[in-house]
Protein backbone atom coordinates (compact mmCIF):
# COMPACT_ATOMS: atom_id res chain seq x y z
CA UNK A 1 0.02 -0.23 0.06
CA UNK A 2 2.53 2.30 0.69
CA UNK A 3 4.10 2.17 -2.59
CA UNK A 4 0.65 2.25 -4.47
CA UNK A 5 0.37 5.35 -2.73
CA UNK A 6 3.75 6.90 -3.41
CA UNK A 7 3.47 5.74 -7.04
CA UNK A 8 -0.45 7.25 -7.24
CA UNK A 9 1.08 10.67 -5.60
CA UNK A 10 4.15 10.90 -7.92
CA UNK A 11 2.72 9.38 -10.97
CA UNK A 12 -1.07 9.55 -11.22
CA UNK A 13 -1.79 12.67 -9.27
CA UNK A 14 0.33 15.04 -11.97
CA UNK A 15 -1.58 13.50 -14.82
CA UNK A 16 -5.01 14.49 -12.94
CA UNK A 17 -3.68 17.61 -12.01
CA UNK A 18 -3.04 18.25 -15.74
CA UNK A 19 -6.38 17.24 -16.86
CA UNK A 20 -7.70 19.63 -14.45
CA UNK A 21 -5.62 22.45 -15.55
CA UNK A 22 -6.55 21.69 -19.32
CA UNK A 23 -9.90 23.28 -18.58
CA UNK A 24 -9.01 26.19 -16.69
CA UNK A 25 -7.31 29.28 -17.24
CA UNK A 26 -4.55 29.37 -14.43
CA UNK A 27 -0.93 31.06 -14.22
CA UNK A 28 -0.63 28.95 -10.80
CA UNK A 29 -0.53 32.18 -8.88
CA UNK A 30 -4.03 33.43 -9.32
CA UNK A 31 -7.44 31.77 -8.63
CA UNK A 32 -7.90 29.45 -11.82
CA UNK A 33 -11.34 29.79 -13.75
CA UNK A 34 -12.87 26.99 -15.48
CA UNK A 35 -13.11 27.68 -19.24
CA UNK A 36 -14.00 24.37 -20.58
CA UNK A 37 -12.40 23.50 -23.98
CA UNK A 38 -11.25 27.00 -24.68
CA UNK A 39 -7.30 26.04 -24.25
CA UNK A 40 -8.30 23.40 -26.64
CA UNK A 41 -9.17 25.98 -29.23
CA UNK A 42 -6.57 28.48 -28.53
CA UNK A 43 -4.10 25.42 -29.10
CA UNK A 44 -5.97 24.24 -32.03
CA UNK A 45 -5.89 27.83 -33.88
CA UNK A 46 -2.29 28.74 -32.96
CA UNK A 47 -0.29 28.73 -36.45
CA UNK A 48 2.44 27.81 -34.80
CA UNK A 49 1.19 24.42 -34.07
CA UNK A 50 1.09 23.06 -37.29
CA UNK A 51 4.39 24.12 -37.75
CA UNK A 52 5.59 22.65 -34.63
CA UNK A 53 3.86 19.04 -35.36
CA UNK A 54 5.16 19.34 -39.27
CA UNK A 55 8.72 19.95 -37.46
CA UNK A 56 8.26 17.06 -34.90
CA UNK A 57 7.27 14.63 -38.14
CA UNK A 58 10.41 15.80 -39.91
CA UNK A 59 12.50 14.97 -36.97
CA UNK A 60 11.09 11.60 -36.47
CA UNK A 61 10.99 11.01 -40.43
CA UNK A 62 14.92 11.60 -40.13
CA UNK A 63 15.48 9.94 -37.31
CA UNK A 64 14.13 6.87 -38.94
CA UNK A 65 16.19 7.02 -41.79
CA UNK A 66 19.08 7.68 -40.49
CA UNK A 67 19.05 6.37 -36.41
CA UNK A 68 17.03 3.15 -37.16
CA UNK A 69 19.38 1.29 -39.37
CA UNK A 70 22.44 2.75 -38.15
CA UNK A 71 22.66 1.04 -34.74
CA UNK A 72 21.53 -2.26 -36.63
CA UNK A 73 24.41 -2.27 -39.19
CA UNK A 74 26.98 -1.02 -36.30
CA UNK A 75 25.74 -4.19 -34.09
CA UNK A 76 25.79 -6.67 -37.31
CA UNK A 77 29.55 -5.32 -37.86
CA UNK A 78 30.10 -5.83 -34.17
CA UNK A 79 29.15 -9.25 -34.12
CA UNK A 80 31.47 -10.34 -37.05
CA UNK A 81 34.59 -8.74 -34.64
CA UNK A 82 36.77 -11.58 -33.39
CA UNK A 83 38.59 -9.55 -30.84
CA UNK A 84 37.97 -6.72 -28.39
CA UNK A 85 34.51 -7.01 -28.97
CA UNK A 86 34.01 -5.44 -25.14
CA UNK A 87 35.69 -2.50 -26.37
CA UNK A 88 33.79 -1.78 -29.15
CA UNK A 89 30.82 -2.56 -27.09
CA UNK A 90 31.95 0.44 -24.53
CA UNK A 91 32.63 2.61 -27.16
CA UNK A 92 29.13 2.48 -28.83
CA UNK A 93 27.47 2.97 -25.42
CA UNK A 94 30.00 6.03 -24.23
CA UNK A 95 27.96 8.82 -25.79
CA UNK A 96 24.71 7.32 -23.76
CA UNK A 97 27.19 8.19 -20.26
CA UNK A 98 28.06 11.28 -21.28
CA UNK A 99 25.55 14.01 -19.72
CA UNK A 100 23.35 15.81 -22.35
CA UNK A 101 24.29 19.36 -21.45
CA UNK A 102 28.15 18.52 -22.06
CA UNK A 103 27.52 16.63 -25.29
CA UNK A 104 25.32 19.15 -26.62
CA UNK A 105 28.04 21.93 -25.88
CA UNK A 106 30.59 19.83 -27.45
CA UNK A 107 28.61 19.41 -30.55
CA UNK A 108 28.01 23.44 -30.48
CA UNK A 109 31.60 23.81 -30.86
CA UNK A 110 31.78 20.72 -33.62
CA UNK A 111 28.80 22.98 -35.27
CA UNK A 112 30.71 26.06 -35.62
CA UNK A 113 29.64 27.41 -39.08
CA UNK A 114 33.21 29.32 -39.83
CA UNK A 115 35.39 27.78 -42.10
CA UNK A 116 37.67 26.71 -39.02
CA UNK A 117 35.18 24.75 -37.32
CA UNK A 118 35.52 21.21 -36.51
CA UNK A 119 33.01 19.68 -39.16
CA UNK A 120 33.99 22.23 -41.65
CA UNK A 121 37.42 21.79 -41.48
CA UNK A 122 37.00 18.15 -42.13
CA UNK A 123 34.65 18.81 -45.20
CA UNK A 124 37.16 21.10 -46.34
CA UNK A 125 39.68 18.30 -46.52
CA UNK A 126 37.73 16.40 -49.02
CA UNK A 127 36.60 19.58 -51.20
CA UNK A 128 33.01 20.63 -49.82
CA UNK A 129 32.30 24.26 -49.03
CA UNK A 130 31.42 25.14 -45.25
CA UNK A 131 28.29 24.38 -44.21
CA UNK A 132 25.82 26.70 -42.00
CA UNK A 133 24.83 23.82 -39.81
CA UNK A 134 22.66 25.36 -36.88
CA UNK A 135 22.56 28.88 -38.78
CA UNK A 136 20.55 27.58 -41.59
CA UNK A 137 16.55 26.61 -41.58
CA UNK A 138 17.39 23.98 -44.31
CA UNK A 139 20.50 22.49 -42.33
CA UNK A 140 19.27 22.71 -38.64
CA UNK A 141 17.20 19.92 -38.33
CA UNK A 142 19.19 17.35 -40.00
CA UNK A 143 22.06 18.73 -37.69
CA UNK A 144 19.97 17.61 -34.77
CA UNK A 145 19.10 14.42 -36.04
CA UNK A 146 22.55 13.77 -36.57
CA UNK A 147 23.65 14.56 -32.71
CA UNK A 148 20.41 12.90 -31.69
CA UNK A 149 21.59 9.42 -33.45
CA UNK A 150 25.14 9.66 -32.02
CA UNK A 151 23.79 10.18 -28.64
CA UNK A 152 20.94 7.58 -28.59
CA UNK A 153 22.55 4.81 -30.91
CA UNK A 154 24.30 3.22 -28.14
CA UNK A 155 21.49 1.67 -26.00
CA UNK A 156 20.25 0.26 -29.36
CA UNK A 157 23.12 -1.04 -30.79
CA UNK A 158 23.77 -3.02 -27.22
CA UNK A 159 19.96 -4.78 -28.01
CA UNK A 160 20.57 -5.39 -31.53
CA UNK A 161 24.05 -6.75 -30.81
CA UNK A 162 22.51 -9.31 -28.04
CA UNK A 163 19.76 -10.33 -30.48
CA UNK A 164 21.94 -10.93 -33.36
CA UNK A 165 24.84 -13.05 -30.70
CA UNK A 166 21.25 -15.01 -29.82
CA UNK A 167 20.56 -15.96 -33.59
CA UNK A 168 21.51 -19.77 -33.53
CA UNK A 169 24.77 -20.31 -35.12
CA UNK A 170 23.29 -23.44 -37.32
CA UNK A 171 21.63 -20.94 -39.23
CA UNK A 172 24.71 -19.34 -40.29
CA UNK A 173 26.34 -22.50 -40.91
CA UNK A 174 23.30 -23.66 -43.45
CA UNK A 175 23.71 -20.31 -45.42
CA UNK A 176 27.33 -20.75 -45.49
CA UNK A 177 26.85 -24.15 -46.96
CA UNK A 178 24.57 -22.92 -49.78
CA UNK A 179 27.22 -20.07 -50.66
CA UNK A 180 25.65 -17.38 -49.02
CA UNK A 181 28.02 -14.07 -48.48
CA UNK A 182 28.07 -11.86 -45.52
CA UNK A 183 25.41 -9.55 -46.79
CA UNK A 184 22.79 -12.59 -48.10
CA UNK A 185 23.13 -13.90 -44.59
CA UNK A 186 22.50 -10.70 -43.08
CA UNK A 187 19.37 -10.43 -45.32
CA UNK A 188 18.13 -14.03 -44.87
CA UNK A 189 19.13 -15.35 -41.71
CA UNK A 190 19.90 -12.30 -39.19
CA UNK A 191 17.04 -9.77 -40.21
CA UNK A 192 14.10 -12.29 -40.22
CA UNK A 193 15.30 -13.27 -36.88
CA UNK A 194 15.42 -9.67 -35.42
CA UNK A 195 11.84 -8.93 -36.74
CA UNK A 196 10.14 -8.66 -33.59
CA UNK A 197 13.25 -6.68 -32.06
CA UNK A 198 13.19 -4.62 -34.87
CA UNK A 199 9.33 -3.99 -34.72
CA UNK A 200 9.52 -2.85 -31.14
CA UNK A 201 12.44 -0.34 -31.60
CA UNK A 202 10.34 0.79 -34.36
CA UNK A 203 7.58 1.80 -32.34
CA UNK A 204 9.48 2.99 -29.21
CA UNK A 205 11.60 5.21 -31.41
CA UNK A 206 8.51 6.81 -32.81
CA UNK A 207 7.29 7.53 -29.52
CA UNK A 208 10.72 9.07 -28.12
CA UNK A 209 11.14 11.13 -31.46
CA UNK A 210 7.38 12.26 -31.01
CA UNK A 211 8.74 13.91 -27.36
CA UNK A 212 11.92 15.31 -28.82
CA UNK A 213 12.60 18.50 -26.74
CA UNK A 214 16.40 18.56 -25.54
CA UNK A 215 18.06 18.97 -28.94
CA UNK A 216 15.99 21.86 -30.26
CA UNK A 217 15.80 23.83 -26.82
CA UNK A 218 19.53 23.53 -26.25
CA UNK A 219 21.18 23.78 -29.95
CA UNK A 220 18.34 26.24 -31.59
CA UNK A 221 15.41 27.09 -29.24
CA UNK A 222 12.96 26.44 -32.06
CA UNK A 223 15.10 28.44 -34.92
CA UNK A 224 15.93 29.70 -37.06
CA UNK A 225 12.49 30.89 -38.14
CA UNK A 226 11.02 28.37 -35.93
CA UNK A 227 12.43 25.66 -38.29
CA UNK A 228 13.34 23.14 -35.18
CA UNK A 229 10.14 24.18 -33.23
CA UNK A 230 8.56 20.75 -32.02
CA UNK A 231 5.46 19.88 -29.91
CA UNK A 232 7.34 19.70 -26.83
CA UNK A 233 9.36 22.88 -27.15
CA UNK A 234 5.74 24.33 -27.91
CA UNK A 235 4.53 23.07 -24.74
CA UNK A 236 7.33 24.71 -22.98
CA UNK A 237 6.88 28.00 -24.38
CA UNK A 238 3.56 28.13 -23.45
CA UNK A 239 4.18 27.30 -20.02
CA UNK A 240 7.43 29.35 -19.12
CA UNK A 241 7.89 31.80 -21.86
CA UNK A 242 4.87 33.60 -21.29
CA UNK A 243 5.45 37.45 -20.04
CA UNK A 244 2.42 37.17 -18.02
CA UNK A 245 3.42 34.15 -15.97
CA UNK A 246 2.80 31.55 -18.30
CA UNK A 247 -0.47 29.86 -20.06
CA UNK A 248 -0.55 26.76 -18.36
CA UNK A 249 -4.13 25.86 -19.40
CA UNK A 250 -2.62 25.73 -22.88
CA UNK A 251 0.18 24.19 -22.26
CA UNK A 252 -1.41 21.06 -20.33
CA UNK A 253 -4.17 20.87 -23.08
CA UNK A 254 -1.45 20.05 -25.93
CA UNK A 255 0.48 17.90 -23.19
CA UNK A 256 -2.96 15.93 -23.28
CA UNK A 257 -3.45 16.11 -26.69
CA UNK A 258 0.10 14.63 -27.41
CA UNK A 259 -0.37 12.07 -24.99
CA UNK A 260 -3.48 10.75 -26.68
CA UNK A 261 -1.49 10.38 -29.84
CA UNK A 262 1.44 8.69 -28.02
CA UNK A 263 -1.07 6.45 -26.20
CA UNK A 264 -1.87 4.95 -29.58
CA UNK A 265 1.63 3.54 -30.19
CA UNK A 266 2.23 2.72 -26.66
CA UNK A 267 -1.08 0.67 -27.10
CA UNK A 268 0.42 -1.08 -30.24
CA UNK A 269 3.79 -1.72 -28.50
CA UNK A 270 2.02 -3.19 -25.14
CA UNK A 271 -0.17 -5.23 -27.75
CA UNK A 272 2.51 -6.82 -29.62
CA UNK A 273 5.02 -7.87 -26.63
CA UNK A 274 1.93 -9.08 -24.67
CA UNK A 275 1.14 -11.37 -27.66
CA UNK A 276 5.06 -12.41 -27.44
CA UNK A 277 4.75 -13.27 -24.11
CA UNK A 278 2.03 -15.41 -24.27
CA UNK A 279 2.95 -17.06 -27.27
């Protein structure tokens, strides 16, 4: 009972409180007033909402294109290594251990748009002109995705590596007898065996990228020209960047709308994992 009470107090009560605040006009200082669905109407009529949703979808799409196959490819390559496999695993997981603020400051230094910036210097070695990186609306979001992939790939690589190592060696032996090379073994043996893990990580990545906040907040604060404004960053602006003390009603209303969308993907995730546990 004490554990249930603690869980309810710190996990469920904030959710209930948010639902109440979403139909109130409150700044957490003055007496709240009931406004019904006005907060939801305000959010839906905000022209920045469409921009934030599109940017979030753009981030999620880029993260799937780049961040989804990279950990899998790294895990497959690491599984083929015969020596120092533990060292490579530690190096792959190292970005996860680094505090996010420290890594963001480091990558901000790398993203220096001048010709002497770290990344631009490397590009200059192969004859590519300096890139604006975070200073351009066209390249800002891909730059954030590049950092997010580097920062979060370590955990996924370890999951994939464990799954790849768990594939029965007899299947690879049979493929070698049939004359299959490394790529045919990956496509016809490894990928089918990882089908379930790939689906779960796919759904979890969609849920995670829909809640992206750290990268656009610390790198660009939604700029330039709102090109990296995401849904969670818009919620933050409603709550904490209002000169009148914060529009917490609109912030919680948008939070509940986002939670409803994520609940659909969470339900899919739990249904899939439940069917596996009972099969």
